[in-house]
Amino acid sequence: MDITKVVDGSKVTFQLAGDLDITTAPELQAAVDEVIDGAESLVIDFEQCPYLSSAGIGVLLKSFKAMKKKAGDFAVVNMNDYIREVLEITGLDALF
């Protein structure tokens, strides 16, 4: 998976290209950990990410909780139907 970080002031967007799964989730987690303290808004862009596993869900939850703790914003955008369905089934669509 390729992760592109786009910084716009205090808004940080991660654009994902490839599957977010057990092998790539630690890479995204490390990237988020590097910027979480300085970010007021964190966006995960799934436009080029076709697959999300439970490991990826873990990264999303941890990131959401970290942003909520500091009263920041968190969003996931540009999800395909599969990823949207996974988030709906897990009930996480209401959080993100």
Foldseek 3Di string as FASTA:
>chain_A
DDWDWDDDQQEIEIEDAEECDPVCLVVVLVVCVVRLVRHQEYEYECQRYQYYDVSNVVSLVVSLVSNVVVVGYYYYDNYDPVVVVVCVVVVNVVSD
